[in-house]
Every structure is written in structure tokens, then in C-alpha cells.
């Protein structure tokens, strides 16, 4: 197996892990508040990465802390909006709407750069918007409140992706990611302590969600991405990541017993088409030069 194929396989594994978390988190929220869930999830992930980066922590500089903290704020917003949205919408809807960040990235980049996006991002946005309407509108022109919260999550993740692209090459990836996760932990606890009560005991569903989301879907997933993406192209990575909502819908349908109508199925298909079109011309060149310690 060549390096590019191995990298694509690793990224697909990461995408599958992310896709399976929607249903698990939705079930866990019956036994713990969303803010405490995010706070404890990222606390566990932060501790794990901090232990890995223990010898490098003394070399943490102010700029890495600043940039990592800013990106962490966007990551905080994304995770909190996603977790809140899961309380009011289905795991399948949350998975697909979260995936819109793949489309929002080139559109937001064009907005801030004051240039028009290419034809493919525009067609992708149109296709995804149509798909989103089919997926979420139920007989009237009104979005589910949970769908709106998850869309805010997609916006937050899009901002995070843009900032990571801008900052990550200037910093050690392990330290940078550790700061991000630490920021999410701090923000989440600041919200959880005044707004929620921590349960005296945690249900098995909550512990299962922590085991899946803290280490595989948070610490390890981001590290794997940073390590292997240098061996593949940005186009491959973007297309592979569009599989996350597909995995989420499949898990919700087969294991969560959530219904998926023909209208929603067509909407899901159009969102996938939109995500593919939005990234079609991205990364046509060689992968960026990266080393394994970045």
C-alpha cells in the first residue's frame, strides 16, 4: 500500500469515527447537560494531549498560545452549537448540516479576500442549499431550531478551518492542538458551571460517549489528520471528509432507528453533490510540504 492510499485510508477512518459520534452524543445527552458533556470530553482529550506534549510544553511561545486560543474559540462554538442542536434535531440531520462547513469554507474565504468564488463553489452552495431545504423543511417554510443551531456549528467549524489553514504551518501541531483543546475545555466549563448541574452519577451511555469522543474522535483524530495529510492532496482530504454526514446518516438509520424519507434522502444526495462541487478545484497541485512533527 503506497503512502497516499494509506493516508486516504487513515483519513477515512477518522471520518468514520466522527460520523458515528452524532448518535452516541445524542443518546448521552439524556444523562448529562450539553455544556458539561463538551467540557468533560475536551478535558479528557486535553489531558491526553498534554501528557503527550509534556516535554514540549516549556517551549510553548506566546504566539502559539494566542493563535491556538483563537482557533480554540471557534472550535468551542462549533462543538457547543453542535451538542445543543443534537437535543432538538436528529443525528442524521446534525451530521449532514455540520458537513456544510466544507462548502462554507471557500465561500467565506472568497468573502474575506473580496474576490468572487469560482463556478464550482457557487454551484455547490446552490445544490447544498436545495438539499438542506429538502432535508429540514417539513411542510412549511420553517427550520427546526436544532437545525439552525447545527448550522451555526457549521459556520464555526468553517471559521476554524480557515484559521487553521492560516496559522498551523507556523506552529508545532501537537502544542497548537493542545492549546485548542484547552481553550474549548475552559470555555465549556465557564458555561457549564453557572448554567448546569453536574450529575452525581453518569449513565453508561455517557461513559460510552466519553470513551468514543474524547480520545478517538478528538485527540487522536486531529493528530492523525495532521500526521497523514501531507501524503495526500487537499482534494482527496475534502472529498473524504464529505463522507462524515453519510456515515452519520447510516449509523442513525441502521442503529438509531431514525427514519429517513425519500425527500430527506434526495436532500442528503444534493448536499453531498454540493460538498463535492465546492471542493472540486481545490488542491489540484501537490500536497503542501509538511513534516511529521508539524
C-alpha atoms as a PDB file:
ATOM      1  CA  UNK A   1       0.000   0.000   0.000  1.00  0.00           C
ATOM      2  CA  UNK A   2       1.544   3.339  -1.092  1.00  0.00           C
ATOM      3  CA  UNK A   3       1.707   6.343   1.192  1.00  0.00           C
ATOM      4  CA  UNK A   4      -1.147   8.245  -0.453  1.00  0.00           C
ATOM      5  CA  UNK A   5      -3.501   5.261  -0.288  1.00  0.00           C
ATOM      6  CA  UNK A   6      -2.539   4.666   3.346  1.00  0.00           C
ATOM      7  CA  UNK A   7      -3.131   8.341   4.158  1.00  0.00           C
ATOM      8  CA  UNK A   8      -6.535   8.295   2.472  1.00  0.00           C
ATOM      9  CA  UNK A   9      -7.463   5.158   4.410  1.00  0.00           C
ATOM     10  CA  UNK A  10      -6.427   6.798   7.692  1.00  0.00           C
ATOM     11  CA  UNK A  11      -8.460   9.926   6.901  1.00  0.00           C
ATOM     12  CA  UNK A  12     -11.457   7.772   6.008  1.00  0.00           C
ATOM     13  CA  UNK A  13     -11.128   6.054   9.390  1.00  0.00           C
ATOM     14  CA  UNK A  14     -11.090   9.463  11.105  1.00  0.00           C
ATOM     15  CA  UNK A  15     -14.166  10.489   9.116  1.00  0.00           C
ATOM     16  CA  UNK A  16     -15.990   7.307  10.103  1.00  0.00           C
ATOM     17  CA  UNK A  17     -15.222   7.941  13.785  1.00  0.00           C
ATOM     18  CA  UNK A  18     -16.561  11.495  13.522  1.00  0.00           C
ATOM     19  CA  UNK A  19     -19.682  10.290  11.730  1.00  0.00           C
ATOM     20  CA  UNK A  20     -20.504   7.739  14.429  1.00  0.00           C
ATOM     21  CA  UNK A  21     -20.369  10.297  17.244  1.00  0.00           C
ATOM     22  CA  UNK A  22     -23.656  12.055  16.419  1.00  0.00           C
ATOM     23  CA  UNK A  23     -25.889   9.190  17.523  1.00  0.00           C
ATOM     24  CA  UNK A  24     -23.734   8.376  20.557  1.00  0.00           C
ATOM     25  CA  UNK A  25     -23.713  12.003  21.753  1.00  0.00           C
ATOM     26  CA  UNK A  26     -27.458  12.354  21.187  1.00  0.00           C
ATOM     27  CA  UNK A  27     -28.081   9.359  23.460  1.00  0.00           C
ATOM     28  CA  UNK A  28     -25.628  10.623  26.077  1.00  0.00           C
ATOM     29  CA  UNK A  29     -27.365  13.999  26.390  1.00  0.00           C
ATOM     30  CA  UNK A  30     -30.204  12.292  28.221  1.00  0.00           C
ATOM     31  CA  UNK A  31     -27.873  11.836  31.181  1.00  0.00           C
ATOM     32  CA  UNK A  32     -25.747  14.994  31.204  1.00  0.00           C
ATOM     33  CA  UNK A  33     -26.067  18.642  30.166  1.00  0.00           C
ATOM     34  CA  UNK A  34     -24.530  19.697  26.829  1.00  0.00           C
ATOM     35  CA  UNK A  35     -22.043  22.143  28.348  1.00  0.00           C
ATOM     36  CA  UNK A  36     -20.724  19.663  30.889  1.00  0.00           C
ATOM     37  CA  UNK A  37     -20.553  16.999  28.217  1.00  0.00           C
ATOM     38  CA  UNK A  38     -18.387  19.176  25.959  1.00  0.00           C
ATOM     39  CA  UNK A  39     -16.302  20.358  28.934  1.00  0.00           C
ATOM     40  CA  UNK A  40     -15.544  16.865  30.230  1.00  0.00           C
ATOM     41  CA  UNK A  41     -14.999  15.449  26.749  1.00  0.00           C
ATOM     42  CA  UNK A  42     -12.395  18.070  25.926  1.00  0.00           C
ATOM     43  CA  UNK A  43     -10.867  17.948  29.388  1.00  0.00           C
ATOM     44  CA  UNK A  44     -10.109  14.260  28.863  1.00  0.00           C
ATOM     45  CA  UNK A  45      -8.790  14.961  25.362  1.00  0.00           C
ATOM     46  CA  UNK A  46      -6.696  17.903  26.613  1.00  0.00           C
ATOM     47  CA  UNK A  47      -5.141  15.843  29.415  1.00  0.00           C
ATOM     48  CA  UNK A  48      -4.247  13.110  26.930  1.00  0.00           C
ATOM     49  CA  UNK A  49      -2.531  15.538  24.539  1.00  0.00           C
ATOM     50  CA  UNK A  50      -0.864  17.471  27.364  1.00  0.00           C
ATOM     51  CA  UNK A  51       0.722  14.241  28.572  1.00  0.00           C
ATOM     52  CA  UNK A  52       1.924  13.518  25.032  1.00  0.00           C
ATOM     53  CA  UNK A  53       3.351  17.047  24.736  1.00  0.00           C
ATOM     54  CA  UNK A  54       4.749  17.164  28.279  1.00  0.00           C
ATOM     55  CA  UNK A  55       8.381  17.594  27.231  1.00  0.00           C
ATOM     56  CA  UNK A  56       7.463  20.236  24.640  1.00  0.00           C
ATOM     57  CA  UNK A  57       5.274  22.376  26.899  1.00  0.00           C
ATOM     58  CA  UNK A  58       8.199  24.537  28.138  1.00  0.00           C
ATOM     59  CA  UNK A  59       8.765  25.613  24.516  1.00  0.00           C
ATOM     60  CA  UNK A  60       5.188  26.901  24.141  1.00  0.00           C
ATOM     61  CA  UNK A  61       5.513  30.526  22.971  1.00  0.00           C
ATOM     62  CA  UNK A  62       3.061  33.409  23.217  1.00  0.00           C
ATOM     63  CA  UNK A  63       2.131  33.391  19.521  1.00  0.00           C
ATOM     64  CA  UNK A  64       1.292  29.687  19.544  1.00  0.00           C
ATOM     65  CA  UNK A  65      -0.848  30.220  22.633  1.00  0.00           C
ATOM     66  CA  UNK A  66      -2.601  33.208  21.023  1.00  0.00           C
ATOM     67  CA  UNK A  67      -3.303  31.571  17.675  1.00  0.00           C
ATOM     68  CA  UNK A  68      -4.238  28.265  19.255  1.00  0.00           C
ATOM     69  CA  UNK A  69      -6.580  30.077  21.631  1.00  0.00           C
ATOM     70  CA  UNK A  70      -8.334  31.975  18.836  1.00  0.00           C
ATOM     71  CA  UNK A  71      -8.839  28.793  16.844  1.00  0.00           C
ATOM     72  CA  UNK A  72      -9.984  27.116  20.046  1.00  0.00           C
ATOM     73  CA  UNK A  73     -12.740  29.714  20.440  1.00  0.00           C
ATOM     74  CA  UNK A  74     -14.141  28.801  17.026  1.00  0.00           C
ATOM     75  CA  UNK A  75     -13.816  25.127  17.883  1.00  0.00           C
ATOM     76  CA  UNK A  76     -15.627  25.811  21.166  1.00  0.00           C
ATOM     77  CA  UNK A  77     -18.524  27.482  19.374  1.00  0.00           C
ATOM     78  CA  UNK A  78     -18.754  24.654  16.862  1.00  0.00           C
ATOM     79  CA  UNK A  79     -18.806  21.900  19.460  1.00  0.00           C
ATOM     80  CA  UNK A  80     -21.271  23.704  21.738  1.00  0.00           C
ATOM     81  CA  UNK A  81     -23.693  24.567  18.912  1.00  0.00           C
ATOM     82  CA  UNK A  82     -23.476  21.009  17.630  1.00  0.00           C
ATOM     83  CA  UNK A  83     -24.142  19.472  21.035  1.00  0.00           C
ATOM     84  CA  UNK A  84     -27.029  21.865  21.718  1.00  0.00           C
ATOM     85  CA  UNK A  85     -28.501  21.225  18.292  1.00  0.00           C
ATOM     86  CA  UNK A  86     -28.475  17.470  18.838  1.00  0.00           C
ATOM     87  CA  UNK A  87     -31.015  17.977  21.617  1.00  0.00           C
ATOM     88  CA  UNK A  88     -33.575  19.287  19.122  1.00  0.00           C
ATOM     89  CA  UNK A  89     -32.833  17.515  15.846  1.00  0.00           C
ATOM     90  CA  UNK A  90     -31.989  14.054  14.592  1.00  0.00           C
ATOM     91  CA  UNK A  91     -28.488  12.618  14.429  1.00  0.00           C
ATOM     92  CA  UNK A  92     -28.800  12.323  10.631  1.00  0.00           C
ATOM     93  CA  UNK A  93     -29.777  15.995  10.226  1.00  0.00           C
ATOM     94  CA  UNK A  94     -26.952  17.092  12.520  1.00  0.00           C
ATOM     95  CA  UNK A  95     -24.440  15.064  10.560  1.00  0.00           C
ATOM     96  CA  UNK A  96     -25.442  16.468   7.184  1.00  0.00           C
ATOM     97  CA  UNK A  97     -25.799  20.094   8.282  1.00  0.00           C
ATOM     98  CA  UNK A  98     -22.453  20.020  10.094  1.00  0.00           C
ATOM     99  CA  UNK A  99     -20.927  18.883   6.825  1.00  0.00           C
ATOM    100  CA  UNK A 100     -21.900  22.164   5.192  1.00  0.00           C
ATOM    101  CA  UNK A 101     -18.699  23.638   6.631  1.00  0.00           C
ATOM    102  CA  UNK A 102     -16.931  22.066   3.637  1.00  0.00           C
ATOM    103  CA  UNK A 103     -18.953  24.361   1.378  1.00  0.00           C
ATOM    104  CA  UNK A 104     -18.813  27.400   3.644  1.00  0.00           C
ATOM    105  CA  UNK A 105     -15.002  27.434   3.714  1.00  0.00           C
ATOM    106  CA  UNK A 106     -14.412  28.523   0.071  1.00  0.00           C
ATOM    107  CA  UNK A 107     -17.355  30.931   0.233  1.00  0.00           C
ATOM    108  CA  UNK A 108     -16.072  32.622   3.414  1.00  0.00           C
ATOM    109  CA  UNK A 109     -12.539  32.709   2.034  1.00  0.00           C
ATOM    110  CA  UNK A 110     -13.826  34.497  -1.076  1.00  0.00           C
ATOM    111  CA  UNK A 111     -15.781  36.962   1.082  1.00  0.00           C
ATOM    112  CA  UNK A 112     -12.822  37.932   3.257  1.00  0.00           C
ATOM    113  CA  UNK A 113     -10.468  38.046   0.271  1.00  0.00           C
ATOM    114  CA  UNK A 114     -13.020  40.245  -1.572  1.00  0.00           C
ATOM    115  CA  UNK A 115     -12.993  38.003  -4.620  1.00  0.00           C
ATOM    116  CA  UNK A 116     -15.820  36.116  -6.272  1.00  0.00           C
ATOM    117  CA  UNK A 117     -15.809  32.366  -5.691  1.00  0.00           C
ATOM    118  CA  UNK A 118     -15.458  30.111  -8.708  1.00  0.00           C
ATOM    119  CA  UNK A 119     -18.346  28.490 -10.519  1.00  0.00           C
ATOM    120  CA  UNK A 120     -17.957  25.220  -8.656  1.00  0.00           C
ATOM    121  CA  UNK A 121     -18.333  26.731  -5.157  1.00  0.00           C
ATOM    122  CA  UNK A 122     -21.392  28.664  -6.368  1.00  0.00           C
ATOM    123  CA  UNK A 123     -22.987  25.551  -7.857  1.00  0.00           C
ATOM    124  CA  UNK A 124     -22.061  23.656  -4.722  1.00  0.00           C
ATOM    125  CA  UNK A 125     -23.719  26.233  -2.495  1.00  0.00           C
ATOM    126  CA  UNK A 126     -26.900  26.143  -4.618  1.00  0.00           C
ATOM    127  CA  UNK A 127     -27.032  22.354  -4.574  1.00  0.00           C
ATOM    128  CA  UNK A 128     -26.389  22.177  -0.832  1.00  0.00           C
ATOM    129  CA  UNK A 129     -28.961  24.858  -0.035  1.00  0.00           C
ATOM    130  CA  UNK A 130     -31.586  22.958  -2.023  1.00  0.00           C
ATOM    131  CA  UNK A 131     -30.609  19.757  -0.275  1.00  0.00           C
ATOM    132  CA  UNK A 132     -30.741  21.439   3.116  1.00  0.00           C
ATOM    133  CA  UNK A 133     -34.291  22.627   2.383  1.00  0.00           C
ATOM    134  CA  UNK A 134     -35.400  19.122   1.408  1.00  0.00           C
ATOM    135  CA  UNK A 135     -33.725  17.667   4.459  1.00  0.00           C
ATOM    136  CA  UNK A 136     -35.015  20.061   7.094  1.00  0.00           C
ATOM    137  CA  UNK A 137     -38.234  21.721   5.890  1.00  0.00           C
ATOM    138  CA  UNK A 138     -41.327  19.796   6.957  1.00  0.00           C
ATOM    139  CA  UNK A 139     -44.350  21.098   5.094  1.00  0.00           C
ATOM    140  CA  UNK A 140     -43.737  24.762   5.861  1.00  0.00           C
ATOM    141  CA  UNK A 141     -41.012  27.354   5.407  1.00  0.00           C
ATOM    142  CA  UNK A 142     -39.509  26.943   8.860  1.00  0.00           C
ATOM    143  CA  UNK A 143     -36.309  25.342  10.065  1.00  0.00           C
ATOM    144  CA  UNK A 144     -36.087  23.125  13.093  1.00  0.00           C
ATOM    145  CA  UNK A 145     -34.394  25.114  15.913  1.00  0.00           C
ATOM    146  CA  UNK A 146     -31.892  22.303  16.269  1.00  0.00           C
ATOM    147  CA  UNK A 147     -31.038  22.513  12.560  1.00  0.00           C
ATOM    148  CA  UNK A 148     -30.317  26.239  12.937  1.00  0.00           C
ATOM    149  CA  UNK A 149     -28.021  25.582  15.907  1.00  0.00           C
ATOM    150  CA  UNK A 150     -26.151  22.920  13.946  1.00  0.00           C
ATOM    151  CA  UNK A 151     -25.819  25.352  11.021  1.00  0.00           C
ATOM    152  CA  UNK A 152     -24.163  27.820  13.412  1.00  0.00           C
ATOM    153  CA  UNK A 153     -21.897  24.926  14.298  1.00  0.00           C
ATOM    154  CA  UNK A 154     -21.023  24.546  10.601  1.00  0.00           C
ATOM    155  CA  UNK A 155     -20.197  28.267  10.379  1.00  0.00           C
ATOM    156  CA  UNK A 156     -17.966  27.988  13.440  1.00  0.00           C
ATOM    157  CA  UNK A 157     -16.136  24.971  12.078  1.00  0.00           C
ATOM    158  CA  UNK A 158     -15.666  26.757   8.747  1.00  0.00           C
ATOM    159  CA  UNK A 159     -14.039  29.668  10.574  1.00  0.00           C
ATOM    160  CA  UNK A 160     -11.844  27.236  12.464  1.00  0.00           C
ATOM    161  CA  UNK A 161     -10.722  25.535   9.240  1.00  0.00           C
ATOM    162  CA  UNK A 162      -9.814  28.874   7.643  1.00  0.00           C
ATOM    163  CA  UNK A 163      -7.823  29.989  10.693  1.00  0.00           C
ATOM    164  CA  UNK A 164      -6.049  26.643  10.994  1.00  0.00           C
ATOM    165  CA  UNK A 165      -5.012  26.932   7.347  1.00  0.00           C
ATOM    166  CA  UNK A 166      -3.625  30.396   8.121  1.00  0.00           C
ATOM    167  CA  UNK A 167      -1.822  29.588  11.375  1.00  0.00           C
ATOM    168  CA  UNK A 168      -0.909  25.910  11.580  1.00  0.00           C
ATOM    169  CA  UNK A 169       2.202  25.968   9.385  1.00  0.00           C
ATOM    170  CA  UNK A 170       3.822  28.424  11.805  1.00  0.00           C
ATOM    171  CA  UNK A 171       3.443  26.256  14.905  1.00  0.00           C
ATOM    172  CA  UNK A 172       4.127  22.794  16.261  1.00  0.00           C
ATOM    173  CA  UNK A 173       0.927  20.839  15.616  1.00  0.00           C
ATOM    174  CA  UNK A 174       0.918  18.968  18.929  1.00  0.00           C
ATOM    175  CA  UNK A 175       1.287  22.127  21.024  1.00  0.00           C
ATOM    176  CA  UNK A 176      -1.131  24.026  18.782  1.00  0.00           C
ATOM    177  CA  UNK A 177      -3.795  21.324  19.117  1.00  0.00           C
ATOM    178  CA  UNK A 178      -3.240  21.061  22.861  1.00  0.00           C
ATOM    179  CA  UNK A 179      -3.922  24.795  23.243  1.00  0.00           C
ATOM    180  CA  UNK A 180      -7.070  24.478  21.120  1.00  0.00           C
ATOM    181  CA  UNK A 181      -8.456  21.669  23.253  1.00  0.00           C
ATOM    182  CA  UNK A 182      -7.530  23.506  26.438  1.00  0.00           C
ATOM    183  CA  UNK A 183      -9.430  26.571  25.215  1.00  0.00           C
ATOM    184  CA  UNK A 184     -12.540  24.510  24.485  1.00  0.00           C
ATOM    185  CA  UNK A 185     -12.297  22.968  27.958  1.00  0.00           C
ATOM    186  CA  UNK A 186     -12.073  26.377  29.648  1.00  0.00           C
ATOM    187  CA  UNK A 187     -14.928  27.945  27.645  1.00  0.00           C
ATOM    188  CA  UNK A 188     -17.180  24.951  28.223  1.00  0.00           C
ATOM    189  CA  UNK A 189     -16.616  24.900  31.980  1.00  0.00           C
ATOM    190  CA  UNK A 190     -17.257  28.664  32.156  1.00  0.00           C
ATOM    191  CA  UNK A 191     -20.665  27.990  30.589  1.00  0.00           C
ATOM    192  CA  UNK A 192     -21.426  24.730  32.375  1.00  0.00           C
ATOM    193  CA  UNK A 193     -20.785  25.798  35.971  1.00  0.00           C
ATOM    194  CA  UNK A 194     -23.404  28.608  36.125  1.00  0.00           C
ATOM    195  CA  UNK A 195     -25.919  27.029  33.731  1.00  0.00           C
ATOM    196  CA  UNK A 196     -25.977  23.326  34.575  1.00  0.00           C
ATOM    197  CA  UNK A 197     -25.727  20.879  37.437  1.00  0.00           C
ATOM    198  CA  UNK A 198     -23.202  18.085  37.101  1.00  0.00           C
ATOM    199  CA  UNK A 199     -24.922  14.721  37.674  1.00  0.00           C
ATOM    200  CA  UNK A 200     -23.830  12.814  40.773  1.00  0.00           C
ATOM    201  CA  UNK A 201     -23.548   9.644  38.707  1.00  0.00           C
ATOM    202  CA  UNK A 202     -23.070   9.230  34.985  1.00  0.00           C
ATOM    203  CA  UNK A 203     -25.033   6.703  32.959  1.00  0.00           C
ATOM    204  CA  UNK A 204     -23.340   4.016  30.830  1.00  0.00           C
ATOM    205  CA  UNK A 205     -24.416   5.936  27.710  1.00  0.00           C
ATOM    206  CA  UNK A 206     -22.496   9.000  28.917  1.00  0.00           C
ATOM    207  CA  UNK A 207     -19.361   6.994  29.658  1.00  0.00           C
ATOM    208  CA  UNK A 208     -19.618   5.319  26.259  1.00  0.00           C
ATOM    209  CA  UNK A 209     -19.855   8.725  24.606  1.00  0.00           C
ATOM    210  CA  UNK A 210     -16.825   9.997  26.535  1.00  0.00           C
ATOM    211  CA  UNK A 211     -14.765   6.963  25.518  1.00  0.00           C
ATOM    212  CA  UNK A 212     -15.639   7.455  21.850  1.00  0.00           C
ATOM    213  CA  UNK A 213     -15.495  11.245  21.591  1.00  0.00           C
ATOM    214  CA  UNK A 214     -12.647  12.225  23.930  1.00  0.00           C
ATOM    215  CA  UNK A 215      -9.778  10.110  22.640  1.00  0.00           C
ATOM    216  CA  UNK A 216     -10.614   8.609  19.211  1.00  0.00           C
ATOM    217  CA  UNK A 217     -12.791  11.459  17.888  1.00  0.00           C
ATOM    218  CA  UNK A 218     -10.906  14.388  19.430  1.00  0.00           C
ATOM    219  CA  UNK A 219      -7.280  13.824  20.457  1.00  0.00           C
ATOM    220  CA  UNK A 220      -6.342  11.031  18.075  1.00  0.00           C
ATOM    221  CA  UNK A 221      -8.468  12.163  15.135  1.00  0.00           C
ATOM    222  CA  UNK A 222      -6.849  15.603  14.904  1.00  0.00           C
ATOM    223  CA  UNK A 223      -3.380  14.149  15.378  1.00  0.00           C
ATOM    224  CA  UNK A 224      -3.923  11.544  12.663  1.00  0.00           C
ATOM    225  CA  UNK A 225      -5.112  14.234  10.278  1.00  0.00           C
ATOM    226  CA  UNK A 226      -2.045  16.383  10.961  1.00  0.00           C
ATOM    227  CA  UNK A 227       0.300  13.444  10.514  1.00  0.00           C
ATOM    228  CA  UNK A 228      -1.034  11.885   7.311  1.00  0.00           C
ATOM    229  CA  UNK A 229      -2.489  14.735   5.260  1.00  0.00           C
ATOM    230  CA  UNK A 230       0.992  15.574   3.975  1.00  0.00           C
ATOM    231  CA  UNK A 231       0.940  12.329   1.984  1.00  0.00           C
ATOM    232  CA  UNK A 232      -2.272  13.058   0.073  1.00  0.00           C
ATOM    233  CA  UNK A 233      -3.880  16.033  -1.658  1.00  0.00           C
ATOM    234  CA  UNK A 234      -6.270  18.615  -0.277  1.00  0.00           C
ATOM    235  CA  UNK A 235      -8.858  17.477  -2.824  1.00  0.00           C
ATOM    236  CA  UNK A 236      -8.670  13.894  -1.566  1.00  0.00           C
ATOM    237  CA  UNK A 237      -8.986  15.086   2.024  1.00  0.00           C
ATOM    238  CA  UNK A 238     -12.008  17.312   1.321  1.00  0.00           C
ATOM    239  CA  UNK A 239     -13.860  14.611  -0.590  1.00  0.00           C
ATOM    240  CA  UNK A 240     -13.112  12.012   2.093  1.00  0.00           C
ATOM    241  CA  UNK A 241     -14.443  14.338   4.800  1.00  0.00           C
ATOM    242  CA  UNK A 242     -17.751  14.639   2.930  1.00  0.00           C
ATOM    243  CA  UNK A 243     -18.330  11.030   3.985  1.00  0.00           C
ATOM    244  CA  UNK A 244     -18.868  12.138   7.606  1.00  0.00           C
ATOM    245  CA  UNK A 245     -22.573  13.005   7.183  1.00  0.00           C
ATOM    246  CA  UNK A 246     -23.062   9.850   5.129  1.00  0.00           C
ATOM    247  CA  UNK A 247     -21.685   7.761   7.979  1.00  0.00           C
ATOM    248  CA  UNK A 248     -23.826   9.724  10.443  1.00  0.00           C
ATOM    249  CA  UNK A 249     -26.996   9.043   8.456  1.00  0.00           C
ATOM    250  CA  UNK A 250     -26.187   5.349   8.030  1.00  0.00           C
ATOM    251  CA  UNK A 251     -25.479   4.903  11.725  1.00  0.00           C
ATOM    252  CA  UNK A 252     -28.667   6.781  12.644  1.00  0.00           C
ATOM    253  CA  UNK A 253     -30.720   4.685  10.212  1.00  0.00           C
ATOM    254  CA  UNK A 254     -29.351   1.213  10.986  1.00  0.00           C
ATOM    255  CA  UNK A 255     -28.589   1.552  14.708  1.00  0.00           C
ATOM    256  CA  UNK A 256     -30.561   4.576  15.845  1.00  0.00           C
ATOM    257  CA  UNK A 257     -33.819   3.576  14.146  1.00  0.00           C
ATOM    258  CA  UNK A 258     -34.251   7.131  12.849  1.00  0.00           C
ATOM    259  CA  UNK A 259     -36.465   7.343   9.772  1.00  0.00           C
ATOM    260  CA  UNK A 260     -35.031   8.658   6.515  1.00  0.00           C
ATOM    261  CA  UNK A 261     -37.699   9.647   3.959  1.00  0.00           C
ATOM    262  CA  UNK A 262     -37.222   9.826   0.206  1.00  0.00           C
ATOM    263  CA  UNK A 263     -37.290  13.628   0.423  1.00  0.00           C
ATOM    264  CA  UNK A 264     -34.539  13.586   3.041  1.00  0.00           C
ATOM    265  CA  UNK A 265     -32.594  11.055   1.004  1.00  0.00           C
ATOM    266  CA  UNK A 266     -32.682  13.342  -2.042  1.00  0.00           C
ATOM    267  CA  UNK A 267     -31.686  16.254   0.184  1.00  0.00           C
ATOM    268  CA  UNK A 268     -28.742  14.274   1.532  1.00  0.00           C
ATOM    269  CA  UNK A 269     -27.664  13.428  -2.008  1.00  0.00           C
ATOM    270  CA  UNK A 270     -27.810  17.075  -3.096  1.00  0.00           C
ATOM    271  CA  UNK A 271     -25.753  18.128  -0.071  1.00  0.00           C
ATOM    272  CA  UNK A 272     -23.120  15.551  -0.976  1.00  0.00           C
ATOM    273  CA  UNK A 273     -23.116  16.853  -4.561  1.00  0.00           C
ATOM    274  CA  UNK A 274     -22.761  20.388  -3.223  1.00  0.00           C
ATOM    275  CA  UNK A 275     -19.846  19.487  -0.977  1.00  0.00           C
ATOM    276  CA  UNK A 276     -18.111  17.730  -3.853  1.00  0.00           C
ATOM    277  CA  UNK A 277     -18.631  20.655  -6.247  1.00  0.00           C
ATOM    278  CA  UNK A 278     -17.412  23.181  -3.670  1.00  0.00           C
ATOM    279  CA  UNK A 279     -14.095  21.379  -3.323  1.00  0.00           C
ATOM    280  CA  UNK A 280     -13.738  20.141  -6.904  1.00  0.00           C
ATOM    281  CA  UNK A 281     -10.983  22.573  -7.892  1.00  0.00           C
ATOM    282  CA  UNK A 282      -9.252  22.753  -4.509  1.00  0.00           C
ATOM    283  CA  UNK A 283      -5.832  21.251  -4.074  1.00  0.00           C
ATOM    284  CA  UNK A 284      -5.093  20.342  -7.700  1.00  0.00           C
ATOM    285  CA  UNK A 285      -1.410  20.676  -7.037  1.00  0.00           C
ATOM    286  CA  UNK A 286       0.911  18.675  -4.886  1.00  0.00           C
ATOM    287  CA  UNK A 287       0.349  18.356  -1.170  1.00  0.00           C
ATOM    288  CA  UNK A 288       1.789  21.101   0.980  1.00  0.00           C
ATOM    289  CA  UNK A 289       5.234  20.427   2.328  1.00  0.00           C
ATOM    290  CA  UNK A 290       4.772  19.202   5.871  1.00  0.00           C
ATOM    291  CA  UNK A 291       6.877  17.236   8.282  1.00  0.00           C
ATOM    292  CA  UNK A 292       5.735  14.653  10.766  1.00  0.00           C
ATOM    293  CA  UNK A 293       6.412  16.958  13.712  1.00  0.00           C
ATOM    294  CA  UNK A 294       4.129  19.702  12.405  1.00  0.00           C
END
